[in-house]
Amino acid sequence: MNSQPSASEIDFDSMIQFEAGELSDDAVIDLFQRLINSGAVWRLQGFYGRFARDLIDNGYCTLPKEHPFPTES
């Protein structure tokens, strides 16, 4: 199983803007919802998964049925 997200799952330009603090709150939520929907967020650096989980826990993003939050086995 490939643990790296594919390039098609990631909007690199938006991620760079996010890391530089250049995205609006709405754009951050949109970026993370797309990363969550693709499942890529759980295979990126740990910060992204933790940030996504915080957005989900606070009602800004939702988990899709086809890519649930990964659990440790």
C-alpha atoms as a PDB file:
ATOM      1  CA  MET A   1       0.000   0.000   0.000  1.00  0.00           C
ATOM      2  CA  ASN A   2       1.344   3.411  -0.973  1.00  0.00           C
ATOM      3  CA  SER A   3       1.356   5.687   2.074  1.00  0.00           C
ATOM      4  CA  GLN A   4       2.145   8.821   0.081  1.00  0.00           C
ATOM      5  CA  PRO A   5      -0.780  10.850  -1.287  1.00  0.00           C
ATOM      6  CA  SER A   6      -0.812  11.206  -5.051  1.00  0.00           C
ATOM      7  CA  ALA A   7      -0.180  14.583  -6.647  1.00  0.00           C
ATOM      8  CA  SER A   8      -3.750  14.615  -7.959  1.00  0.00           C
ATOM      9  CA  GLU A   9      -5.048  14.521  -4.360  1.00  0.00           C
ATOM     10  CA  ILE A  10      -3.156  17.634  -3.272  1.00  0.00           C
ATOM     11  CA  ASP A  11      -3.494  21.290  -4.210  1.00  0.00           C
ATOM     12  CA  PHE A  12       0.150  22.229  -3.633  1.00  0.00           C
ATOM     13  CA  ASP A  13      -0.368  25.918  -4.392  1.00  0.00           C
ATOM     14  CA  SER A  14      -3.062  26.206  -1.723  1.00  0.00           C
ATOM     15  CA  MET A  15      -0.964  24.256   0.761  1.00  0.00           C
ATOM     16  CA  ILE A  16       1.962  26.625   0.238  1.00  0.00           C
ATOM     17  CA  GLN A  17      -0.369  29.603   0.674  1.00  0.00           C
ATOM     18  CA  PHE A  18      -1.808  27.992   3.826  1.00  0.00           C
ATOM     19  CA  GLU A  19       1.658  27.476   5.312  1.00  0.00           C
ATOM     20  CA  ALA A  20       2.544  31.094   4.492  1.00  0.00           C
ATOM     21  CA  GLY A  21      -0.641  32.328   6.213  1.00  0.00           C
ATOM     22  CA  GLU A  22      -2.011  33.718   2.954  1.00  0.00           C
ATOM     23  CA  LEU A  23      -5.402  31.931   2.851  1.00  0.00           C
ATOM     24  CA  SER A  24      -8.657  33.279   4.220  1.00  0.00           C
ATOM     25  CA  ASP A  25     -10.453  31.195   6.830  1.00  0.00           C
ATOM     26  CA  ASP A  26     -12.948  30.041   4.195  1.00  0.00           C
ATOM     27  CA  ALA A  27     -10.126  29.013   1.843  1.00  0.00           C
ATOM     28  CA  VAL A  28      -8.430  27.034   4.652  1.00  0.00           C
ATOM     29  CA  ILE A  29     -11.669  25.193   5.398  1.00  0.00           C
ATOM     30  CA  ASP A  30     -12.180  24.476   1.689  1.00  0.00           C
ATOM     31  CA  LEU A  31      -8.608  23.188   1.302  1.00  0.00           C
ATOM     32  CA  PHE A  32      -8.879  20.894   4.300  1.00  0.00           C
ATOM     33  CA  GLN A  33     -12.311  19.610   3.316  1.00  0.00           C
ATOM     34  CA  ARG A  34     -10.873  18.623  -0.087  1.00  0.00           C
ATOM     35  CA  LEU A  35      -7.885  16.940   1.590  1.00  0.00           C
ATOM     36  CA  ILE A  36     -10.234  15.118   3.980  1.00  0.00           C
ATOM     37  CA  ASN A  37     -12.547  14.044   1.159  1.00  0.00           C
ATOM     38  CA  SER A  38      -9.656  12.545  -0.805  1.00  0.00           C
ATOM     39  CA  GLY A  39      -8.155  10.888   2.280  1.00  0.00           C
ATOM     40  CA  ALA A  40      -4.812  12.541   1.492  1.00  0.00           C
ATOM     41  CA  VAL A  41      -4.788  14.551   4.725  1.00  0.00           C
ATOM     42  CA  TRP A  42      -4.225  11.379   6.783  1.00  0.00           C
ATOM     43  CA  ARG A  43      -1.082  10.540   4.792  1.00  0.00           C
ATOM     44  CA  LEU A  44       0.544  13.969   4.979  1.00  0.00           C
ATOM     45  CA  GLN A  45       2.780  15.300   7.749  1.00  0.00           C
ATOM     46  CA  GLY A  46       1.109  14.806  11.140  1.00  0.00           C
ATOM     47  CA  PHE A  47       0.237  18.480  11.568  1.00  0.00           C
ATOM     48  CA  TYR A  48      -2.221  18.286   8.663  1.00  0.00           C
ATOM     49  CA  GLY A  49      -4.107  15.363  10.148  1.00  0.00           C
ATOM     50  CA  ARG A  50      -4.259  16.989  13.576  1.00  0.00           C
ATOM     51  CA  PHE A  51      -5.435  20.283  12.080  1.00  0.00           C
ATOM     52  CA  ALA A  52      -8.063  18.448  10.013  1.00  0.00           C
ATOM     53  CA  ARG A  53      -9.251  16.585  13.100  1.00  0.00           C
ATOM     54  CA  ASP A  54      -9.607  19.911  14.945  1.00  0.00           C
ATOM     55  CA  LEU A  55     -11.656  21.337  12.052  1.00  0.00           C
ATOM     56  CA  ILE A  56     -13.888  18.236  12.119  1.00  0.00           C
ATOM     57  CA  ASP A  57     -14.266  18.281  15.912  1.00  0.00           C
ATOM     58  CA  ASN A  58     -15.269  21.964  15.787  1.00  0.00           C
ATOM     59  CA  GLY A  59     -17.825  21.493  12.996  1.00  0.00           C
ATOM     60  CA  TYR A  60     -15.974  23.276  10.191  1.00  0.00           C
ATOM     61  CA  CYS A  61     -15.314  20.123   8.137  1.00  0.00           C
ATOM     62  CA  THR A  62     -16.956  16.710   7.929  1.00  0.00           C
ATOM     63  CA  LEU A  63     -15.740  13.178   7.365  1.00  0.00           C
ATOM     64  CA  PRO A  64     -16.942  11.517   4.177  1.00  0.00           C
ATOM     65  CA  LYS A  65     -18.242   7.954   4.494  1.00  0.00           C
ATOM     66  CA  GLU A  66     -15.691   6.596   2.011  1.00  0.00           C
ATOM     67  CA  HIS A  67     -12.627   7.983   3.880  1.00  0.00           C
ATOM     68  CA  PRO A  68     -13.332   7.764   7.605  1.00  0.00           C
ATOM     69  CA  PHE A  69     -10.838   8.990  10.152  1.00  0.00           C
ATOM     70  CA  PRO A  70      -8.134   6.328  10.415  1.00  0.00           C
ATOM     71  CA  THR A  71      -7.907   4.403  13.650  1.00  0.00           C
ATOM     72  CA  GLU A  72      -4.813   2.770  15.034  1.00  0.00           C
ATOM     73  CA  SER A  73      -4.846  -1.008  14.988  1.00  0.00           C
END
